[in-house]
Amino acid sequence: MREALEACRDKMPQQNSELEKLSNPDAATKAKMVVFAQCMRDEGQDFADTGTDAAAAPTGPPATAPIERRTLTETEAVSGALASTLVIGALAGLYPALRAARLAPTEAASSP
C-alpha cells in the first residue's frame, strides 16, 4: 500500500482547499480523485472511483444488520419460569442433602 501511495502521490489532491472539497467535490476535484483511484488500481490496490456519483451511492447490504427482536409468548415465559424454579430448588436442596449424607444416622437425627 505504501509503494502505491508513493507512486500515486502526485495525482492525489494535496492542497488544504482540495482536501476540504472532498466531502462535496467539484468537477475538477472529482476528476483528480478518479485519476488517483485509477493509479492506485494500476499499482495493484483495490480502490474504488471515489470521485464518481456512482461511488457515492451505497451499494449492498448495510454495514450492520438490524437486530431482530422477538417477544416471548405466555407459554415460553411460564415454561422458563418453571424450569428456573426447578433448577434453583434442586440446587438449593442438594447442598443440605449432601452434608446430611456424610453424617452418621444417629448424629443426623439428633442435630437441630
N, C-alpha and C. Protein backbone atom coordinates (compact mmCIF):
# COMPACT_ATOMS: atom_id res chain seq x y z
N MET A 1 0.83 -1.19 0.00
CA MET A 1 0.00 0.00 0.00
C MET A 1 0.87 1.26 0.00
N ARG A 2 1.95 1.23 0.79
CA ARG A 2 2.82 2.41 0.84
C ARG A 2 3.47 2.70 -0.51
N GLU A 3 3.89 1.62 -1.20
CA GLU A 3 4.52 1.81 -2.50
C GLU A 3 3.53 2.43 -3.49
N ALA A 4 2.27 1.96 -3.42
CA ALA A 4 1.25 2.50 -4.31
C ALA A 4 0.97 3.97 -3.99
N LEU A 5 0.91 4.31 -2.71
CA LEU A 5 0.69 5.72 -2.34
C LEU A 5 1.84 6.61 -2.80
N GLU A 6 3.08 6.09 -2.67
CA GLU A 6 4.23 6.87 -3.13
C GLU A 6 4.18 7.07 -4.64
N ALA A 7 3.79 6.02 -5.38
CA ALA A 7 3.74 6.12 -6.83
C ALA A 7 2.63 7.07 -7.30
N CYS A 8 1.55 7.17 -6.53
CA CYS A 8 0.40 7.98 -6.94
C CYS A 8 0.29 9.30 -6.19
N ARG A 9 1.32 9.65 -5.42
CA ARG A 9 1.26 10.87 -4.60
C ARG A 9 1.00 12.12 -5.45
N ASP A 10 1.56 12.20 -6.64
CA ASP A 10 1.39 13.39 -7.47
C ASP A 10 -0.03 13.54 -8.01
N LYS A 11 -0.81 12.46 -8.01
CA LYS A 11 -2.18 12.51 -8.52
C LYS A 11 -3.21 12.72 -7.41
N MET A 12 -2.78 12.65 -6.16
CA MET A 12 -3.68 12.79 -5.02
C MET A 12 -3.94 14.26 -4.74
N PRO A 13 -5.22 14.65 -4.46
CA PRO A 13 -5.47 16.04 -4.04
C PRO A 13 -4.69 16.33 -2.76
N GLN A 14 -3.82 17.37 -2.80
CA GLN A 14 -2.92 17.59 -1.68
C GLN A 14 -3.12 18.92 -0.98
N GLN A 15 -3.61 19.91 -1.65
CA GLN A 15 -3.74 21.22 -1.01
C GLN A 15 -4.91 21.21 -0.04
N ASN A 16 -4.81 22.02 1.00
CA ASN A 16 -5.87 22.07 2.01
C ASN A 16 -7.21 22.41 1.39
N SER A 17 -7.24 23.31 0.41
CA SER A 17 -8.51 23.67 -0.21
C SER A 17 -9.11 22.47 -0.94
N GLU A 18 -8.25 21.65 -1.56
CA GLU A 18 -8.76 20.46 -2.24
C GLU A 18 -9.24 19.42 -1.24
N LEU A 19 -8.55 19.27 -0.12
CA LEU A 19 -8.97 18.29 0.88
C LEU A 19 -10.29 18.67 1.51
N GLU A 20 -10.53 19.96 1.68
CA GLU A 20 -11.80 20.42 2.22
C GLU A 20 -12.94 20.14 1.26
N LYS A 21 -12.64 20.07 -0.05
CA LYS A 21 -13.66 19.81 -1.06
C LYS A 21 -14.03 18.34 -1.17
N LEU A 22 -13.31 17.45 -0.51
CA LEU A 22 -13.54 16.02 -0.69
C LEU A 22 -14.94 15.59 -0.25
N SER A 23 -15.52 16.25 0.75
CA SER A 23 -16.86 15.87 1.18
C SER A 23 -17.91 16.32 0.17
N ASN A 24 -17.66 17.40 -0.55
CA ASN A 24 -18.56 17.90 -1.58
C ASN A 24 -17.72 18.38 -2.76
N PRO A 25 -17.13 17.44 -3.52
CA PRO A 25 -16.14 17.83 -4.53
C PRO A 25 -16.78 18.47 -5.76
N ASP A 26 -16.01 19.40 -6.36
CA ASP A 26 -16.43 19.98 -7.62
C ASP A 26 -15.92 19.07 -8.74
N ALA A 27 -16.16 19.45 -9.99
CA ALA A 27 -15.81 18.59 -11.13
C ALA A 27 -14.30 18.36 -11.23
N ALA A 28 -13.49 19.39 -10.97
CA ALA A 28 -12.04 19.24 -11.07
C ALA A 28 -11.50 18.30 -9.99
N THR A 29 -12.02 18.44 -8.78
CA THR A 29 -11.57 17.56 -7.69
C THR A 29 -12.02 16.13 -7.94
N LYS A 30 -13.25 15.95 -8.48
CA LYS A 30 -13.72 14.60 -8.83
C LYS A 30 -12.79 13.96 -9.86
N ALA A 31 -12.39 14.75 -10.84
CA ALA A 31 -11.50 14.22 -11.88
C ALA A 31 -10.17 13.78 -11.28
N LYS A 32 -9.61 14.58 -10.36
CA LYS A 32 -8.36 14.20 -9.70
C LYS A 32 -8.53 12.94 -8.87
N MET A 33 -9.68 12.82 -8.22
CA MET A 33 -9.94 11.63 -7.40
C MET A 33 -10.03 10.37 -8.26
N VAL A 34 -10.66 10.49 -9.44
CA VAL A 34 -10.78 9.34 -10.34
C VAL A 34 -9.41 8.94 -10.87
N VAL A 35 -8.58 9.93 -11.23
CA VAL A 35 -7.23 9.65 -11.72
C VAL A 35 -6.40 8.98 -10.63
N PHE A 36 -6.53 9.47 -9.39
CA PHE A 36 -5.81 8.87 -8.27
C PHE A 36 -6.26 7.42 -8.04
N ALA A 37 -7.57 7.18 -8.09
CA ALA A 37 -8.09 5.82 -7.90
C ALA A 37 -7.59 4.89 -8.99
N GLN A 38 -7.55 5.37 -10.24
CA GLN A 38 -7.05 4.54 -11.35
C GLN A 38 -5.57 4.24 -11.15
N CYS A 39 -4.80 5.20 -10.70
CA CYS A 39 -3.38 4.98 -10.42
C CYS A 39 -3.20 3.92 -9.34
N MET A 40 -4.01 4.00 -8.29
CA MET A 40 -3.92 3.00 -7.20
C MET A 40 -4.27 1.61 -7.72
N ARG A 41 -5.27 1.52 -8.60
CA ARG A 41 -5.60 0.21 -9.19
C ARG A 41 -4.47 -0.30 -10.07
N ASP A 42 -3.86 0.62 -10.82
CA ASP A 42 -2.72 0.23 -11.67
C ASP A 42 -1.56 -0.29 -10.83
N GLU A 43 -1.46 0.18 -9.60
CA GLU A 43 -0.39 -0.26 -8.69
C GLU A 43 -0.78 -1.53 -7.93
N GLY A 44 -1.96 -2.10 -8.26
CA GLY A 44 -2.35 -3.37 -7.66
C GLY A 44 -3.22 -3.26 -6.42
N GLN A 45 -3.76 -2.09 -6.13
CA GLN A 45 -4.61 -1.91 -4.96
C GLN A 45 -6.07 -1.93 -5.39
N ASP A 46 -6.94 -2.50 -4.53
CA ASP A 46 -8.37 -2.50 -4.77
C ASP A 46 -8.91 -1.15 -4.32
N PHE A 47 -9.20 -0.29 -5.27
CA PHE A 47 -9.55 1.08 -4.96
C PHE A 47 -10.74 1.50 -5.82
N ALA A 48 -11.79 2.04 -5.20
CA ALA A 48 -12.99 2.45 -5.93
C ALA A 48 -12.82 3.86 -6.47
N ASP A 49 -13.60 4.18 -7.50
CA ASP A 49 -13.64 5.55 -8.03
C ASP A 49 -14.45 6.40 -7.07
N THR A 50 -13.79 7.05 -6.13
CA THR A 50 -14.49 7.82 -5.11
C THR A 50 -15.01 9.14 -5.64
N GLY A 51 -14.55 9.57 -6.78
CA GLY A 51 -14.99 10.86 -7.30
C GLY A 51 -16.24 10.77 -8.15
N THR A 52 -16.71 9.57 -8.47
CA THR A 52 -17.89 9.45 -9.31
C THR A 52 -19.14 9.46 -8.46
N ASP A 53 -20.25 9.81 -9.09
CA ASP A 53 -21.52 9.83 -8.38
C ASP A 53 -21.97 8.41 -8.03
N ALA A 54 -21.60 7.43 -8.85
CA ALA A 54 -21.98 6.04 -8.57
C ALA A 54 -21.31 5.54 -7.30
N ALA A 55 -20.09 6.02 -7.03
CA ALA A 55 -19.39 5.58 -5.82
C ALA A 55 -20.01 6.18 -4.57
N ALA A 56 -20.67 7.32 -4.72
CA ALA A 56 -21.26 7.97 -3.56
C ALA A 56 -22.51 7.24 -3.08
N ALA A 57 -23.20 6.57 -4.02
CA ALA A 57 -24.42 5.85 -3.64
C ALA A 57 -24.04 4.53 -2.99
N PRO A 58 -24.56 4.25 -1.80
CA PRO A 58 -24.22 2.99 -1.14
C PRO A 58 -24.80 1.80 -1.89
N THR A 59 -24.01 0.74 -1.97
CA THR A 59 -24.47 -0.48 -2.62
C THR A 59 -24.31 -1.63 -1.65
N GLY A 60 -25.12 -2.66 -1.82
CA GLY A 60 -25.02 -3.84 -0.98
C GLY A 60 -25.75 -3.65 0.34
N PRO A 61 -25.59 -4.64 1.20
CA PRO A 61 -26.29 -4.58 2.49
C PRO A 61 -25.68 -3.52 3.40
N PRO A 62 -26.42 -3.04 4.39
CA PRO A 62 -25.86 -2.05 5.32
C PRO A 62 -24.72 -2.66 6.12
N ALA A 63 -23.85 -1.80 6.65
CA ALA A 63 -22.68 -2.28 7.38
C ALA A 63 -23.09 -3.10 8.60
N THR A 64 -24.16 -2.72 9.25
CA THR A 64 -24.64 -3.50 10.38
C THR A 64 -26.09 -3.86 10.13
N ALA A 65 -26.39 -5.12 10.22
CA ALA A 65 -27.76 -5.57 10.01
C ALA A 65 -28.59 -5.23 11.25
N PRO A 66 -29.85 -4.88 11.05
CA PRO A 66 -30.68 -4.57 12.21
C PRO A 66 -30.88 -5.80 13.09
N ILE A 67 -30.98 -5.57 14.38
CA ILE A 67 -31.16 -6.66 15.33
C ILE A 67 -32.63 -7.04 15.32
N GLU A 68 -32.87 -8.31 15.15
CA GLU A 68 -34.24 -8.80 15.14
C GLU A 68 -34.63 -9.19 16.55
N ARG A 69 -35.64 -8.55 17.10
CA ARG A 69 -36.09 -8.83 18.46
C ARG A 69 -37.41 -9.57 18.41
N ARG A 70 -37.57 -10.52 19.35
CA ARG A 70 -38.77 -11.32 19.40
C ARG A 70 -39.27 -11.34 20.83
N THR A 71 -40.56 -11.19 21.01
CA THR A 71 -41.12 -11.23 22.36
C THR A 71 -41.49 -12.66 22.70
N LEU A 72 -41.43 -12.98 23.96
CA LEU A 72 -41.78 -14.32 24.42
C LEU A 72 -43.29 -14.48 24.47
N THR A 73 -43.73 -15.67 24.13
CA THR A 73 -45.14 -15.95 24.29
C THR A 73 -45.40 -16.31 25.75
N GLU A 74 -46.67 -16.39 26.12
CA GLU A 74 -47.02 -16.71 27.51
C GLU A 74 -46.54 -18.11 27.87
N THR A 75 -46.66 -19.04 26.95
CA THR A 75 -46.22 -20.42 27.21
C THR A 75 -44.72 -20.48 27.43
N GLU A 76 -43.95 -19.75 26.62
CA GLU A 76 -42.49 -19.74 26.78
C GLU A 76 -42.09 -19.11 28.11
N ALA A 77 -42.77 -18.05 28.51
CA ALA A 77 -42.44 -17.38 29.76
C ALA A 77 -42.74 -18.29 30.95
N VAL A 78 -43.90 -18.94 30.93
CA VAL A 78 -44.26 -19.84 32.04
C VAL A 78 -43.32 -21.03 32.08
N SER A 79 -42.98 -21.59 30.92
CA SER A 79 -42.06 -22.73 30.86
C SER A 79 -40.68 -22.35 31.39
N GLY A 80 -40.20 -21.18 31.03
CA GLY A 80 -38.90 -20.72 31.50
C GLY A 80 -38.90 -20.49 33.00
N ALA A 81 -39.97 -19.91 33.52
CA ALA A 81 -40.06 -19.68 34.96
C ALA A 81 -40.11 -20.99 35.72
N LEU A 82 -40.87 -21.95 35.23
CA LEU A 82 -40.97 -23.26 35.88
C LEU A 82 -39.63 -23.99 35.86
N ALA A 83 -38.94 -23.96 34.73
CA ALA A 83 -37.64 -24.62 34.62
C ALA A 83 -36.63 -23.97 35.56
N SER A 84 -36.62 -22.64 35.64
CA SER A 84 -35.71 -21.94 36.54
C SER A 84 -35.99 -22.30 37.99
N THR A 85 -37.25 -22.37 38.35
CA THR A 85 -37.64 -22.71 39.72
C THR A 85 -37.18 -24.12 40.08
N LEU A 86 -37.37 -25.06 39.16
CA LEU A 86 -36.95 -26.44 39.43
C LEU A 86 -35.43 -26.55 39.58
N VAL A 87 -34.67 -25.87 38.74
CA VAL A 87 -33.21 -25.93 38.82
C VAL A 87 -32.72 -25.31 40.12
N ILE A 88 -33.25 -24.14 40.47
CA ILE A 88 -32.82 -23.47 41.70
C ILE A 88 -33.21 -24.31 42.92
N GLY A 89 -34.41 -24.87 42.92
CA GLY A 89 -34.85 -25.72 44.03
C GLY A 89 -33.99 -26.96 44.18
N ALA A 90 -33.66 -27.58 43.07
CA ALA A 90 -32.82 -28.79 43.12
C ALA A 90 -31.43 -28.46 43.66
N LEU A 91 -30.84 -27.36 43.21
CA LEU A 91 -29.52 -26.98 43.70
C LEU A 91 -29.56 -26.59 45.17
N ALA A 92 -30.63 -25.90 45.60
CA ALA A 92 -30.74 -25.49 47.00
C ALA A 92 -30.96 -26.69 47.92
N GLY A 93 -31.62 -27.71 47.44
CA GLY A 93 -31.84 -28.91 48.26
C GLY A 93 -30.68 -29.87 48.21
N LEU A 94 -29.86 -29.80 47.22
CA LEU A 94 -28.75 -30.74 47.05
C LEU A 94 -27.66 -30.50 48.09
N TYR A 95 -27.34 -29.28 48.40
CA TYR A 95 -26.27 -28.99 49.36
C TYR A 95 -26.57 -29.55 50.75
N PRO A 96 -27.73 -29.26 51.35
CA PRO A 96 -28.01 -29.85 52.67
C PRO A 96 -28.10 -31.38 52.63
N ALA A 97 -28.60 -31.92 51.54
CA ALA A 97 -28.70 -33.39 51.43
C ALA A 97 -27.32 -34.02 51.39
N LEU A 98 -26.38 -33.43 50.70
CA LEU A 98 -25.02 -33.97 50.64
C LEU A 98 -24.34 -33.86 52.01
N ARG A 99 -24.57 -32.78 52.72
CA ARG A 99 -24.00 -32.65 54.08
C ARG A 99 -24.58 -33.69 55.02
N ALA A 100 -25.88 -33.92 54.93
CA ALA A 100 -26.53 -34.91 55.80
C ALA A 100 -26.08 -36.32 55.46
N ALA A 101 -25.77 -36.57 54.21
CA ALA A 101 -25.34 -37.90 53.79
C ALA A 101 -23.98 -38.25 54.38
N ARG A 102 -23.19 -37.28 54.71
CA ARG A 102 -21.86 -37.53 55.27
C ARG A 102 -21.91 -37.84 56.77
N LEU A 103 -23.02 -37.51 57.41
CA LEU A 103 -23.14 -37.72 58.85
C LEU A 103 -23.60 -39.16 59.16
N ALA A 104 -23.27 -39.56 60.34
CA ALA A 104 -23.79 -40.85 60.80
C ALA A 104 -25.28 -40.69 61.06
N PRO A 105 -26.10 -41.75 60.91
CA PRO A 105 -27.55 -41.63 61.06
C PRO A 105 -27.95 -41.12 62.45
N THR A 106 -27.27 -41.52 63.51
CA THR A 106 -27.66 -41.05 64.84
C THR A 106 -27.32 -39.58 65.01
N GLU A 107 -26.20 -39.15 64.45
CA GLU A 107 -25.82 -37.73 64.54
C GLU A 107 -26.75 -36.87 63.72
N ALA A 108 -27.16 -37.34 62.53
CA ALA A 108 -28.07 -36.57 61.67
C ALA A 108 -29.44 -36.43 62.32
N ALA A 109 -29.91 -37.48 63.02
CA ALA A 109 -31.23 -37.44 63.65
C ALA A 109 -31.24 -36.52 64.86
N SER A 110 -30.11 -36.40 65.56
CA SER A 110 -30.06 -35.59 66.77
C SER A 110 -29.75 -34.12 66.52
N SER A 111 -29.28 -33.78 65.33
CA SER A 111 -28.94 -32.38 65.05
C SER A 111 -30.20 -31.57 64.78
N PRO A 112 -30.22 -30.28 65.19
CA PRO A 112 -31.44 -29.46 65.02
C PRO A 112 -31.75 -29.13 63.60
